[in-house]
Amino acid sequence: MKPEKMKLSAIKKLEGTLVLKSGLHIGSGNMEMHIGGTDSPVIKHPHTLEPYIPGS
């Protein structure tokens, strides 16, 4: 049996509201420490600069 190839059939946008009952931190991966810098940066949208949770 050959495996079937996966094919994108549609793109859908999901919207909603998350309510956090505990802390949440999604880091940006820049773990280098600098004097006067933040110790745990948060991922931000490149245009709006608002924090967001990546879909991946």
N, C-alpha and C. Protein backbone atom coordinates (compact mmCIF):
# COMPACT_ATOMS: atom_id res chain seq x y z
N MET A 1 0.82 -1.20 0.00
CA MET A 1 0.00 0.00 0.00
C MET A 1 0.86 1.25 0.00
N LYS A 2 0.58 2.19 -0.89
CA LYS A 2 1.29 3.45 -0.92
C LYS A 2 0.58 4.46 -0.02
N PRO A 3 1.35 5.25 0.75
CA PRO A 3 0.69 6.29 1.56
C PRO A 3 0.13 7.39 0.66
N GLU A 4 -1.04 7.89 1.03
CA GLU A 4 -1.66 8.96 0.24
C GLU A 4 -0.94 10.27 0.51
N LYS A 5 -0.83 11.10 -0.51
CA LYS A 5 -0.21 12.40 -0.34
C LYS A 5 -1.21 13.35 0.30
N MET A 6 -0.71 14.14 1.25
CA MET A 6 -1.58 15.12 1.90
C MET A 6 -1.63 16.37 1.03
N LYS A 7 -2.79 16.98 0.95
CA LYS A 7 -2.98 18.15 0.11
C LYS A 7 -3.81 19.17 0.87
N LEU A 8 -3.35 20.43 0.86
CA LEU A 8 -4.09 21.50 1.53
C LEU A 8 -5.38 21.75 0.76
N SER A 9 -6.52 21.65 1.45
CA SER A 9 -7.80 21.83 0.78
C SER A 9 -8.48 23.14 1.16
N ALA A 10 -8.10 23.74 2.31
CA ALA A 10 -8.73 24.99 2.73
C ALA A 10 -7.90 25.64 3.84
N ILE A 11 -8.02 26.94 3.95
CA ILE A 11 -7.41 27.69 5.05
C ILE A 11 -8.55 28.35 5.81
N LYS A 12 -8.60 28.12 7.10
CA LYS A 12 -9.67 28.68 7.91
C LYS A 12 -9.08 29.53 9.02
N LYS A 13 -9.75 30.62 9.36
CA LYS A 13 -9.31 31.51 10.43
C LYS A 13 -10.18 31.26 11.65
N LEU A 14 -9.53 31.00 12.77
CA LEU A 14 -10.24 30.78 14.03
C LEU A 14 -10.03 32.00 14.91
N GLU A 15 -11.08 32.48 15.53
CA GLU A 15 -10.98 33.59 16.46
C GLU A 15 -11.63 33.20 17.77
N GLY A 16 -11.11 33.74 18.86
CA GLY A 16 -11.68 33.42 20.16
C GLY A 16 -10.96 34.18 21.24
N THR A 17 -11.29 33.87 22.46
CA THR A 17 -10.69 34.50 23.62
C THR A 17 -10.16 33.42 24.54
N LEU A 18 -8.92 33.58 24.98
CA LEU A 18 -8.34 32.66 25.95
C LEU A 18 -8.38 33.30 27.32
N VAL A 19 -8.79 32.54 28.30
CA VAL A 19 -8.77 33.01 29.69
C VAL A 19 -7.72 32.17 30.42
N LEU A 20 -6.68 32.83 30.90
CA LEU A 20 -5.61 32.12 31.59
C LEU A 20 -5.91 32.05 33.07
N LYS A 21 -5.84 30.84 33.61
CA LYS A 21 -6.05 30.65 35.05
C LYS A 21 -4.73 30.45 35.76
N SER A 22 -3.65 30.49 35.02
CA SER A 22 -2.30 30.42 35.59
C SER A 22 -1.39 31.21 34.66
N GLY A 23 -0.12 31.32 35.03
CA GLY A 23 0.81 32.09 34.23
C GLY A 23 1.10 31.43 32.89
N LEU A 24 1.40 32.24 31.89
CA LEU A 24 1.75 31.74 30.56
C LEU A 24 2.89 32.58 30.05
N HIS A 25 3.94 31.92 29.57
CA HIS A 25 5.05 32.64 28.96
C HIS A 25 5.45 31.91 27.69
N ILE A 26 5.36 32.58 26.56
CA ILE A 26 5.85 32.06 25.29
C ILE A 26 7.06 32.91 24.96
N GLY A 27 8.25 32.37 25.10
CA GLY A 27 9.47 33.14 24.90
C GLY A 27 9.80 33.34 23.44
N SER A 28 10.60 34.37 23.18
CA SER A 28 10.98 34.67 21.80
C SER A 28 12.26 33.96 21.40
N GLY A 29 12.88 33.23 22.29
CA GLY A 29 14.05 32.46 21.94
C GLY A 29 15.36 33.22 22.06
N ASN A 30 15.32 34.52 22.31
CA ASN A 30 16.55 35.28 22.49
C ASN A 30 16.97 35.12 23.95
N MET A 31 17.77 34.13 24.22
CA MET A 31 18.13 33.80 25.60
C MET A 31 19.38 34.53 26.06
N GLU A 32 19.98 35.36 25.22
CA GLU A 32 21.19 36.08 25.60
C GLU A 32 20.85 37.19 26.59
N MET A 33 21.60 37.26 27.68
CA MET A 33 21.35 38.27 28.71
C MET A 33 22.17 39.52 28.43
N HIS A 34 21.56 40.68 28.62
CA HIS A 34 22.25 41.96 28.48
C HIS A 34 21.97 42.79 29.72
N ILE A 35 22.93 43.62 30.10
CA ILE A 35 22.73 44.51 31.24
C ILE A 35 21.58 45.46 30.92
N GLY A 36 20.59 45.52 31.79
CA GLY A 36 19.43 46.39 31.58
C GLY A 36 18.38 45.79 30.67
N GLY A 37 18.63 44.60 30.11
CA GLY A 37 17.67 43.95 29.22
C GLY A 37 16.68 43.10 29.98
N THR A 38 15.67 42.61 29.28
CA THR A 38 14.68 41.74 29.92
C THR A 38 15.23 40.33 30.02
N ASP A 39 14.83 39.60 31.04
CA ASP A 39 15.33 38.25 31.20
C ASP A 39 14.43 37.21 30.54
N SER A 40 13.21 37.57 30.17
CA SER A 40 12.34 36.62 29.50
C SER A 40 11.43 37.36 28.50
N PRO A 41 11.96 37.67 27.30
CA PRO A 41 11.16 38.39 26.30
C PRO A 41 9.99 37.54 25.80
N VAL A 42 8.94 38.18 25.37
CA VAL A 42 7.72 37.52 24.89
C VAL A 42 7.62 37.73 23.39
N ILE A 43 7.12 36.72 22.67
CA ILE A 43 6.94 36.85 21.22
C ILE A 43 5.90 37.93 20.95
N LYS A 44 6.23 38.84 20.02
CA LYS A 44 5.31 39.92 19.66
C LYS A 44 5.10 39.95 18.16
N HIS A 45 3.90 40.35 17.75
CA HIS A 45 3.56 40.47 16.33
C HIS A 45 4.47 41.54 15.72
N PRO A 46 5.09 41.27 14.56
CA PRO A 46 6.05 42.23 14.01
C PRO A 46 5.46 43.58 13.61
N HIS A 47 4.16 43.65 13.31
CA HIS A 47 3.54 44.92 12.88
C HIS A 47 2.85 45.65 14.02
N THR A 48 2.09 44.92 14.85
CA THR A 48 1.34 45.57 15.93
C THR A 48 2.12 45.60 17.24
N LEU A 49 3.17 44.80 17.33
CA LEU A 49 4.00 44.66 18.54
C LEU A 49 3.21 44.17 19.74
N GLU A 50 2.04 43.56 19.51
CA GLU A 50 1.26 42.97 20.59
C GLU A 50 1.72 41.54 20.82
N PRO A 51 1.74 41.07 22.06
CA PRO A 51 2.11 39.68 22.32
C PRO A 51 1.10 38.73 21.69
N TYR A 52 1.58 37.57 21.22
CA TYR A 52 0.66 36.59 20.65
C TYR A 52 1.18 35.18 20.90
N ILE A 53 0.30 34.22 20.76
CA ILE A 53 0.65 32.80 20.90
C ILE A 53 0.72 32.23 19.50
N PRO A 54 1.89 31.76 19.07
CA PRO A 54 2.03 31.22 17.70
C PRO A 54 1.18 29.97 17.50
N GLY A 55 0.66 29.80 16.32
CA GLY A 55 -0.20 28.66 16.02
C GLY A 55 0.53 27.35 15.90
N SER A 56 1.85 27.38 15.73
CA SER A 56 2.60 26.14 15.59
C SER A 56 2.83 25.51 16.94
